[in-house]
Amino acid sequence: METHKEKRVHHSSCEAEIKATDECVKNIQMFHNMLSDLNLCPITPIPVYNDNRGAVDRSHSFSTKGMRHLNIRENAIHEAQILQEVSIGHISGKCNPADIFTKEFKSDCTFCSLHDLLLFPCSAFQVPSLHGGC
């Protein structure tokens, strides 16, 4: 998956996380379809972890309110869960090894703990098994 600068500003971190989760789900669906075309048995559902509790909660239900551009993304994520292509789960910010690539750290202690978590998964935190997950 590639990273890029967004062209528009999101009004909330939840909205940004829903968009990022939707992009991840679309990539998973593309790879799932490619593996199916090659007659390889893809593992389903693929776990997708997000550290924003609001985005995770909203992905588990269909939305019919307000912002149409966001509802389409939320409903696509929910539909992918119903079809058992993905499963969306929450991961605590303290245990999210992806933060080492996306966050600015104000202290060396925080950086070192995530660095160690990335290299040596710690059992002190309730870290989900990330094998095969996104």
C-alpha atoms as a PDB file:
ATOM      1  CA  MET A   1       0.000   0.000   0.000  1.00  0.00           C
ATOM      2  CA  GLU A   2       1.330   3.432  -0.842  1.00  0.00           C
ATOM      3  CA  THR A   3       1.060   6.698   1.014  1.00  0.00           C
ATOM      4  CA  HIS A   4       0.208  10.064  -0.450  1.00  0.00           C
ATOM      5  CA  LYS A   5      -0.729  13.563   0.667  1.00  0.00           C
ATOM      6  CA  GLU A   6      -4.481  14.103   0.809  1.00  0.00           C
ATOM      7  CA  LYS A   7      -5.934  16.765  -1.482  1.00  0.00           C
ATOM      8  CA  ARG A   8      -8.594  17.837   1.016  1.00  0.00           C
ATOM      9  CA  VAL A   9      -8.699  18.346   4.741  1.00  0.00           C
ATOM     10  CA  HIS A  10     -10.863  16.014   6.812  1.00  0.00           C
ATOM     11  CA  HIS A  11     -12.956  17.531   9.557  1.00  0.00           C
ATOM     12  CA  SER A  12     -12.331  14.705  12.003  1.00  0.00           C
ATOM     13  CA  SER A  13      -9.810  11.969  12.578  1.00  0.00           C
ATOM     14  CA  CYS A  14     -12.676   9.459  12.425  1.00  0.00           C
ATOM     15  CA  GLU A  15     -13.530  10.584   8.882  1.00  0.00           C
ATOM     16  CA  ALA A  16      -9.883  10.270   7.828  1.00  0.00           C
ATOM     17  CA  GLU A  17      -9.627   6.801   9.386  1.00  0.00           C
ATOM     18  CA  ILE A  18     -12.787   5.633   7.595  1.00  0.00           C
ATOM     19  CA  LYS A  19     -11.317   6.775   4.288  1.00  0.00           C
ATOM     20  CA  ALA A  20      -8.024   5.002   5.031  1.00  0.00           C
ATOM     21  CA  THR A  21      -9.867   1.810   6.045  1.00  0.00           C
ATOM     22  CA  ASP A  22     -11.910   1.947   2.840  1.00  0.00           C
ATOM     23  CA  GLU A  23      -8.726   2.264   0.753  1.00  0.00           C
ATOM     24  CA  CYS A  24      -7.227  -0.720   2.603  1.00  0.00           C
ATOM     25  CA  VAL A  25     -10.377  -2.793   2.030  1.00  0.00           C
ATOM     26  CA  LYS A  26     -10.343  -1.931  -1.687  1.00  0.00           C
ATOM     27  CA  ASN A  27      -6.718  -3.137  -1.943  1.00  0.00           C
ATOM     28  CA  ILE A  28      -7.578  -6.357  -0.101  1.00  0.00           C
ATOM     29  CA  GLN A  29     -10.528  -6.962  -2.446  1.00  0.00           C
ATOM     30  CA  MET A  30      -8.275  -6.412  -5.474  1.00  0.00           C
ATOM     31  CA  PHE A  31      -5.725  -8.949  -4.222  1.00  0.00           C
ATOM     32  CA  HIS A  32      -8.518 -11.353  -3.243  1.00  0.00           C
ATOM     33  CA  ASN A  33      -9.939 -11.185  -6.778  1.00  0.00           C
ATOM     34  CA  MET A  34      -6.496 -11.641  -8.316  1.00  0.00           C
ATOM     35  CA  LEU A  35      -5.785 -14.718  -6.188  1.00  0.00           C
ATOM     36  CA  SER A  36      -9.215 -16.145  -7.016  1.00  0.00           C
ATOM     37  CA  ASP A  37      -8.546 -15.658 -10.749  1.00  0.00           C
ATOM     38  CA  LEU A  38      -5.310 -17.605 -10.332  1.00  0.00           C
ATOM     39  CA  ASN A  39      -7.237 -20.408  -8.575  1.00  0.00           C
ATOM     40  CA  LEU A  40      -5.335 -19.800  -5.351  1.00  0.00           C
ATOM     41  CA  CYS A  41      -7.324 -20.056  -2.177  1.00  0.00           C
ATOM     42  CA  PRO A  42      -7.141 -16.678  -0.430  1.00  0.00           C
ATOM     43  CA  ILE A  43      -7.468 -16.668   3.346  1.00  0.00           C
ATOM     44  CA  THR A  44     -10.655 -14.906   4.384  1.00  0.00           C
ATOM     45  CA  PRO A  45     -11.568 -12.853   6.239  1.00  0.00           C
ATOM     46  CA  ILE A  46      -8.410 -10.730   6.308  1.00  0.00           C
ATOM     47  CA  PRO A  47      -8.116  -8.876   9.628  1.00  0.00           C
ATOM     48  CA  VAL A  48      -7.777  -5.086   9.344  1.00  0.00           C
ATOM     49  CA  TYR A  49      -6.812  -3.170  12.494  1.00  0.00           C
ATOM     50  CA  ASN A  50      -7.563   0.476  13.220  1.00  0.00           C
ATOM     51  CA  ASP A  51      -6.627   2.520  16.290  1.00  0.00           C
ATOM     52  CA  ASN A  52      -9.645   4.839  16.004  1.00  0.00           C
ATOM     53  CA  ARG A  53     -12.521   3.325  18.008  1.00  0.00           C
ATOM     54  CA  GLY A  54     -15.120   5.547  16.274  1.00  0.00           C
ATOM     55  CA  ALA A  55     -14.074   4.368  12.818  1.00  0.00           C
ATOM     56  CA  VAL A  56     -14.169   0.729  13.935  1.00  0.00           C
ATOM     57  CA  ASP A  57     -17.623   1.115  15.497  1.00  0.00           C
ATOM     58  CA  ARG A  58     -19.007   2.905  12.445  1.00  0.00           C
ATOM     59  CA  SER A  59     -17.640   0.199  10.130  1.00  0.00           C
ATOM     60  CA  HIS A  60     -19.793  -2.430  11.855  1.00  0.00           C
ATOM     61  CA  SER A  61     -23.107  -0.855  10.834  1.00  0.00           C
ATOM     62  CA  PHE A  62     -24.770   0.550   7.734  1.00  0.00           C
ATOM     63  CA  SER A  63     -25.112   4.310   7.776  1.00  0.00           C
ATOM     64  CA  THR A  64     -28.066   6.222   6.373  1.00  0.00           C
ATOM     65  CA  LYS A  65     -27.372   9.678   7.813  1.00  0.00           C
ATOM     66  CA  GLY A  66     -25.849  12.851   6.453  1.00  0.00           C
ATOM     67  CA  MET A  67     -22.554  12.950   4.590  1.00  0.00           C
ATOM     68  CA  ARG A  68     -23.106  10.875   1.445  1.00  0.00           C
ATOM     69  CA  HIS A  69     -19.411  10.720   0.482  1.00  0.00           C
ATOM     70  CA  LEU A  70     -18.588   9.129   3.823  1.00  0.00           C
ATOM     71  CA  ASN A  71     -21.653   6.841   3.901  1.00  0.00           C
ATOM     72  CA  ILE A  72     -20.589   5.178   0.657  1.00  0.00           C
ATOM     73  CA  ARG A  73     -17.212   4.311   2.193  1.00  0.00           C
ATOM     74  CA  GLU A  74     -18.742   3.115   5.492  1.00  0.00           C
ATOM     75  CA  ASN A  75     -21.264   0.931   3.691  1.00  0.00           C
ATOM     76  CA  ALA A  76     -18.585  -0.544   1.404  1.00  0.00           C
ATOM     77  CA  ILE A  77     -16.521  -1.512   4.458  1.00  0.00           C
ATOM     78  CA  HIS A  78     -19.565  -3.025   6.168  1.00  0.00           C
ATOM     79  CA  GLU A  79     -20.508  -4.965   3.043  1.00  0.00           C
ATOM     80  CA  ALA A  80     -16.970  -6.398   2.792  1.00  0.00           C
ATOM     81  CA  GLN A  81     -17.381  -7.645   6.385  1.00  0.00           C
ATOM     82  CA  ILE A  82     -20.734  -9.263   5.580  1.00  0.00           C
ATOM     83  CA  LEU A  83     -19.148 -11.018   2.569  1.00  0.00           C
ATOM     84  CA  GLN A  84     -16.376 -12.144   4.947  1.00  0.00           C
ATOM     85  CA  GLU A  85     -13.619 -10.561   2.882  1.00  0.00           C
ATOM     86  CA  VAL A  86     -12.319  -8.563   5.859  1.00  0.00           C
ATOM     87  CA  SER A  87     -12.841  -8.272   9.588  1.00  0.00           C
ATOM     88  CA  ILE A  88     -12.329  -4.852  11.174  1.00  0.00           C
ATOM     89  CA  GLY A  89     -10.844  -4.775  14.665  1.00  0.00           C
ATOM     90  CA  HIS A  90      -9.526  -2.210  17.123  1.00  0.00           C
ATOM     91  CA  ILE A  91      -5.898  -2.002  18.162  1.00  0.00           C
ATOM     92  CA  SER A  92      -4.814   0.256  21.002  1.00  0.00           C
ATOM     93  CA  GLY A  93      -2.627   3.215  20.064  1.00  0.00           C
ATOM     94  CA  LYS A  94      -0.032   2.019  22.594  1.00  0.00           C
ATOM     95  CA  CYS A  95       0.264  -1.284  20.736  1.00  0.00           C
ATOM     96  CA  ASN A  96       0.033  -0.076  17.141  1.00  0.00           C
ATOM     97  CA  PRO A  97       3.360  -0.771  15.430  1.00  0.00           C
ATOM     98  CA  ALA A  98       2.262   1.233  12.341  1.00  0.00           C
ATOM     99  CA  ASP A  99       2.509   4.455  14.379  1.00  0.00           C
ATOM    100  CA  ILE A 100       6.286   4.324  14.114  1.00  0.00           C
ATOM    101  CA  PHE A 101       5.885   5.171  10.413  1.00  0.00           C
ATOM    102  CA  THR A 102       3.143   7.798  10.711  1.00  0.00           C
ATOM    103  CA  LYS A 103       3.546   9.734  13.974  1.00  0.00           C
ATOM    104  CA  GLU A 104       5.938  12.350  15.248  1.00  0.00           C
ATOM    105  CA  PHE A 105       7.350  11.354  18.629  1.00  0.00           C
ATOM    106  CA  LYS A 106       7.956  13.931  21.319  1.00  0.00           C
ATOM    107  CA  SER A 107       9.861  11.485  23.512  1.00  0.00           C
ATOM    108  CA  ASP A 108      12.470   8.841  22.897  1.00  0.00           C
ATOM    109  CA  CYS A 109      10.661   6.512  25.309  1.00  0.00           C
ATOM    110  CA  THR A 110       7.542   6.326  23.101  1.00  0.00           C
ATOM    111  CA  PHE A 111       9.630   5.747  19.977  1.00  0.00           C
ATOM    112  CA  CYS A 112      11.689   3.011  21.652  1.00  0.00           C
ATOM    113  CA  SER A 113       8.618   1.189  22.948  1.00  0.00           C
ATOM    114  CA  LEU A 114       7.026   1.106  19.475  1.00  0.00           C
ATOM    115  CA  HIS A 115      10.362   0.179  17.923  1.00  0.00           C
ATOM    116  CA  ASP A 116      10.678  -2.744  20.314  1.00  0.00           C
ATOM    117  CA  LEU A 117       7.038  -3.705  19.707  1.00  0.00           C
ATOM    118  CA  LEU A 118       7.669  -3.776  15.961  1.00  0.00           C
ATOM    119  CA  LEU A 119      10.744  -5.986  16.325  1.00  0.00           C
ATOM    120  CA  PHE A 120       9.794  -8.006  19.395  1.00  0.00           C
ATOM    121  CA  PRO A 121       6.013  -8.208  19.994  1.00  0.00           C
ATOM    122  CA  CYS A 122       5.407  -7.690  23.691  1.00  0.00           C
ATOM    123  CA  SER A 123       2.988  -9.822  25.645  1.00  0.00           C
ATOM    124  CA  ALA A 124       2.542  -7.114  28.298  1.00  0.00           C
ATOM    125  CA  PHE A 125       0.016  -5.388  26.025  1.00  0.00           C
ATOM    126  CA  GLN A 126      -3.014  -7.106  24.588  1.00  0.00           C
ATOM    127  CA  VAL A 127      -1.652  -7.069  21.038  1.00  0.00           C
ATOM    128  CA  PRO A 128      -3.735  -8.988  18.506  1.00  0.00           C
ATOM    129  CA  SER A 129      -1.855 -11.422  16.343  1.00  0.00           C
ATOM    130  CA  LEU A 130      -0.964  -9.390  13.284  1.00  0.00           C
ATOM    131  CA  HIS A 131      -0.001 -12.367  11.138  1.00  0.00           C
ATOM    132  CA  GLY A 132      -1.846 -11.870   7.882  1.00  0.00           C
ATOM    133  CA  GLY A 133      -3.516  -8.657   9.039  1.00  0.00           C
ATOM    134  CA  CYS A 134      -3.319  -5.086   7.810  1.00  0.00           C
END
